[in-house]
Protein backbone atom coordinates (compact mmCIF):
# COMPACT_ATOMS: atom_id res chain seq x y z
CA MET A 1 8.55 -12.14 -3.87
CA GLU A 2 6.29 -10.18 -6.18
CA PHE A 3 3.17 -10.97 -4.16
CA MET A 4 4.74 -9.60 -0.97
CA ASP A 5 5.91 -6.47 -2.81
CA GLN A 6 2.44 -5.91 -4.22
CA MET A 7 0.88 -6.27 -0.77
CA MET A 8 3.39 -3.82 0.72
CA ILE A 9 2.73 -1.28 -2.04
CA LEU A 10 -1.03 -1.70 -1.67
CA SER A 11 -0.76 -1.23 2.10
CA GLN A 12 1.33 1.92 1.69
CA LEU A 13 -1.04 3.26 -0.96
CA GLY A 14 -4.05 2.67 1.30
CA ARG A 15 -2.33 4.46 4.17
CA LEU A 16 -1.48 7.37 1.89
CA VAL A 17 -5.10 7.65 0.71
CA ILE A 18 -6.39 7.55 4.30
CA SER A 19 -3.83 10.18 5.31
CA CYS A 20 -4.85 12.47 2.43
CA THR A 21 -8.56 12.06 3.04
């Protein structure tokens, strides 16, 4: 579902930001 995909993408994006910071 779109909602699940969005949540997965958001989670990955957050992890990426934390990793970069």
